[in-house]
């Protein structure tokens, strides 16, 4: 996933592990300069693409407190209930936002390609 706006030039990696009854959404990201510690990252699957984002289809925000690994990357993971077949019906994007205290800024965006 690419960094956007003030976070341009940074990268993140998103993983969506789909299972029949629930799915895991995991994001590993570089620490944005304007996000205060402890970092809170809010993860969404939004309708549309990064070029034209629609409303959230999935809010993966049960856990938002990111933990930092030894290299300084931030990781946040959530399990979302239900079958995600609806994501195959049209374009969707994985987005990561900062906490409301950090301005609720869009930090990362990546278009999902489900097969």
C-alpha atoms as a PDB file:
ATOM      1  CA  UNK A   1       0.000   0.000   0.000  1.00  0.00           C
ATOM      2  CA  UNK A   2       1.236   3.476  -0.793  1.00  0.00           C
ATOM      3  CA  UNK A   3       1.462   6.349   1.620  1.00  0.00           C
ATOM      4  CA  UNK A   4      -0.827   9.250   0.724  1.00  0.00           C
ATOM      5  CA  UNK A   5      -0.857  13.002   1.320  1.00  0.00           C
ATOM      6  CA  UNK A   6       1.579  13.926   4.120  1.00  0.00           C
ATOM      7  CA  UNK A   7       2.645  10.267   4.333  1.00  0.00           C
ATOM      8  CA  UNK A   8       3.624  10.019   0.641  1.00  0.00           C
ATOM      9  CA  UNK A   9       6.791   7.992   0.076  1.00  0.00           C
ATOM     10  CA  UNK A  10       6.100   5.568   2.928  1.00  0.00           C
ATOM     11  CA  UNK A  11       4.868   2.025   2.396  1.00  0.00           C
ATOM     12  CA  UNK A  12       2.627  -0.444   4.194  1.00  0.00           C
ATOM     13  CA  UNK A  13       1.693  -4.045   3.583  1.00  0.00           C
ATOM     14  CA  UNK A  14      -1.838  -5.342   3.955  1.00  0.00           C
ATOM     15  CA  UNK A  15      -2.877  -8.961   4.278  1.00  0.00           C
ATOM     16  CA  UNK A  16      -6.422 -10.238   4.031  1.00  0.00           C
ATOM     17  CA  UNK A  17      -6.790 -13.878   5.081  1.00  0.00           C
ATOM     18  CA  UNK A  18     -10.264 -15.026   4.042  1.00  0.00           C
ATOM     19  CA  UNK A  19     -11.940 -17.979   5.760  1.00  0.00           C
ATOM     20  CA  UNK A  20     -15.527 -19.274   5.449  1.00  0.00           C
ATOM     21  CA  UNK A  21     -16.836 -17.694   8.674  1.00  0.00           C
ATOM     22  CA  UNK A  22     -14.410 -14.833   9.391  1.00  0.00           C
ATOM     23  CA  UNK A  23     -11.341 -13.132   7.975  1.00  0.00           C
ATOM     24  CA  UNK A  24      -8.159 -11.609   9.348  1.00  0.00           C
ATOM     25  CA  UNK A  25      -6.996  -8.193   8.252  1.00  0.00           C
ATOM     26  CA  UNK A  26      -3.352  -7.471   9.093  1.00  0.00           C
ATOM     27  CA  UNK A  27      -1.459  -4.268   8.309  1.00  0.00           C
ATOM     28  CA  UNK A  28       2.287  -3.709   8.748  1.00  0.00           C
ATOM     29  CA  UNK A  29       3.338  -0.106   8.171  1.00  0.00           C
ATOM     30  CA  UNK A  30       6.183   2.306   8.560  1.00  0.00           C
ATOM     31  CA  UNK A  31       5.586   4.846  11.327  1.00  0.00           C
ATOM     32  CA  UNK A  32       4.156   8.049   9.847  1.00  0.00           C
ATOM     33  CA  UNK A  33       5.998  11.145  11.063  1.00  0.00           C
ATOM     34  CA  UNK A  34       2.870  12.921  12.289  1.00  0.00           C
ATOM     35  CA  UNK A  35       1.373  10.024  14.300  1.00  0.00           C
ATOM     36  CA  UNK A  36       1.952  10.281  18.027  1.00  0.00           C
ATOM     37  CA  UNK A  37       3.040   7.343  20.179  1.00  0.00           C
ATOM     38  CA  UNK A  38       1.437   5.079  21.058  1.00  0.00           C
ATOM     39  CA  UNK A  39       0.280   4.722  17.458  1.00  0.00           C
ATOM     40  CA  UNK A  40      -3.375   3.972  16.786  1.00  0.00           C
ATOM     41  CA  UNK A  41      -4.160   2.804  13.245  1.00  0.00           C
ATOM     42  CA  UNK A  42      -7.733   2.473  11.983  1.00  0.00           C
ATOM     43  CA  UNK A  43      -8.170  -0.064   9.176  1.00  0.00           C
ATOM     44  CA  UNK A  44     -11.040  -0.154   6.683  1.00  0.00           C
ATOM     45  CA  UNK A  45     -12.039  -1.903   3.482  1.00  0.00           C
ATOM     46  CA  UNK A  46     -13.750   0.778   1.433  1.00  0.00           C
ATOM     47  CA  UNK A  47     -15.888   0.556  -1.675  1.00  0.00           C
ATOM     48  CA  UNK A  48     -14.223   1.891  -4.813  1.00  0.00           C
ATOM     49  CA  UNK A  49     -10.531   2.336  -5.483  1.00  0.00           C
ATOM     50  CA  UNK A  50      -7.803   4.514  -4.023  1.00  0.00           C
ATOM     51  CA  UNK A  51      -8.451   6.956  -6.873  1.00  0.00           C
ATOM     52  CA  UNK A  52     -12.144   7.192  -5.916  1.00  0.00           C
ATOM     53  CA  UNK A  53     -12.909   5.984  -2.382  1.00  0.00           C
ATOM     54  CA  UNK A  54     -16.478   5.195  -1.406  1.00  0.00           C
ATOM     55  CA  UNK A  55     -17.941   4.423   2.011  1.00  0.00           C
ATOM     56  CA  UNK A  56     -16.454   1.728   4.253  1.00  0.00           C
ATOM     57  CA  UNK A  57     -17.682  -1.797   3.506  1.00  0.00           C
ATOM     58  CA  UNK A  58     -15.804  -3.196   6.521  1.00  0.00           C
ATOM     59  CA  UNK A  59     -14.577  -1.397   9.633  1.00  0.00           C
ATOM     60  CA  UNK A  60     -11.739  -3.425  11.148  1.00  0.00           C
ATOM     61  CA  UNK A  61     -11.388  -1.198  14.189  1.00  0.00           C
ATOM     62  CA  UNK A  62     -11.820  -3.518  17.168  1.00  0.00           C
ATOM     63  CA  UNK A  63      -8.067  -3.309  17.784  1.00  0.00           C
ATOM     64  CA  UNK A  64      -6.397  -0.044  16.828  1.00  0.00           C
ATOM     65  CA  UNK A  65      -3.344   0.104  19.095  1.00  0.00           C
ATOM     66  CA  UNK A  66      -0.430  -0.856  16.860  1.00  0.00           C
ATOM     67  CA  UNK A  67       2.610  -2.630  18.218  1.00  0.00           C
ATOM     68  CA  UNK A  68       6.117  -1.913  17.018  1.00  0.00           C
ATOM     69  CA  UNK A  69       8.571  -4.613  15.967  1.00  0.00           C
ATOM     70  CA  UNK A  70      12.358  -4.464  16.377  1.00  0.00           C
ATOM     71  CA  UNK A  71      12.720  -2.689  13.012  1.00  0.00           C
ATOM     72  CA  UNK A  72      10.204   0.002  13.957  1.00  0.00           C
ATOM     73  CA  UNK A  73       7.341  -1.177  11.756  1.00  0.00           C
ATOM     74  CA  UNK A  74       3.842  -0.895  13.199  1.00  0.00           C
ATOM     75  CA  UNK A  75       1.432  -3.837  13.067  1.00  0.00           C
ATOM     76  CA  UNK A  76      -2.284  -3.957  13.760  1.00  0.00           C
ATOM     77  CA  UNK A  77      -4.545  -6.965  13.148  1.00  0.00           C
ATOM     78  CA  UNK A  78      -8.277  -7.565  13.378  1.00  0.00           C
ATOM     79  CA  UNK A  79     -10.651 -10.434  12.761  1.00  0.00           C
ATOM     80  CA  UNK A  80     -13.890  -9.516  11.025  1.00  0.00           C
ATOM     81  CA  UNK A  81     -16.904 -11.851  11.135  1.00  0.00           C
ATOM     82  CA  UNK A  82     -18.759 -13.169   8.129  1.00  0.00           C
ATOM     83  CA  UNK A  83     -18.054 -14.162   4.573  1.00  0.00           C
ATOM     84  CA  UNK A  84     -16.262 -11.576   2.456  1.00  0.00           C
ATOM     85  CA  UNK A  85     -17.668 -12.677  -0.915  1.00  0.00           C
ATOM     86  CA  UNK A  86     -19.229  -9.210  -1.218  1.00  0.00           C
ATOM     87  CA  UNK A  87     -15.730  -7.883  -1.869  1.00  0.00           C
ATOM     88  CA  UNK A  88     -15.685  -9.762  -5.173  1.00  0.00           C
ATOM     89  CA  UNK A  89     -18.697  -7.832  -6.510  1.00  0.00           C
ATOM     90  CA  UNK A  90     -16.797  -4.651  -7.285  1.00  0.00           C
ATOM     91  CA  UNK A  91     -13.643  -2.682  -6.597  1.00  0.00           C
ATOM     92  CA  UNK A  92     -12.536  -2.198  -2.995  1.00  0.00           C
ATOM     93  CA  UNK A  93      -9.524  -0.613  -1.323  1.00  0.00           C
ATOM     94  CA  UNK A  94      -7.761  -1.251   1.971  1.00  0.00           C
ATOM     95  CA  UNK A  95      -7.202   2.017   3.840  1.00  0.00           C
ATOM     96  CA  UNK A  96      -5.393   2.950   7.035  1.00  0.00           C
ATOM     97  CA  UNK A  97      -6.209   6.153   8.910  1.00  0.00           C
ATOM     98  CA  UNK A  98      -4.635   7.881  11.874  1.00  0.00           C
ATOM     99  CA  UNK A  99      -6.440   8.258  15.187  1.00  0.00           C
ATOM    100  CA  UNK A 100      -8.897  11.121  15.687  1.00  0.00           C
ATOM    101  CA  UNK A 101      -6.298  12.705  18.020  1.00  0.00           C
ATOM    102  CA  UNK A 102      -3.861  12.685  15.070  1.00  0.00           C
ATOM    103  CA  UNK A 103      -6.385  14.236  12.671  1.00  0.00           C
ATOM    104  CA  UNK A 104      -8.082  11.093  11.279  1.00  0.00           C
ATOM    105  CA  UNK A 105      -5.797  11.402   8.242  1.00  0.00           C
ATOM    106  CA  UNK A 106      -5.714   8.896   5.413  1.00  0.00           C
ATOM    107  CA  UNK A 107      -2.216   7.400   5.743  1.00  0.00           C
ATOM    108  CA  UNK A 108      -2.163   4.413   3.381  1.00  0.00           C
ATOM    109  CA  UNK A 109      -4.315   3.067   0.571  1.00  0.00           C
ATOM    110  CA  UNK A 110      -4.086  -0.056  -1.590  1.00  0.00           C
ATOM    111  CA  UNK A 111      -6.536  -1.436  -4.147  1.00  0.00           C
ATOM    112  CA  UNK A 112      -7.703  -4.991  -3.384  1.00  0.00           C
ATOM    113  CA  UNK A 113      -7.527  -7.599  -6.114  1.00  0.00           C
ATOM    114  CA  UNK A 114      -9.498 -10.657  -5.069  1.00  0.00           C
ATOM    115  CA  UNK A 115      -9.572 -13.695  -7.307  1.00  0.00           C
END
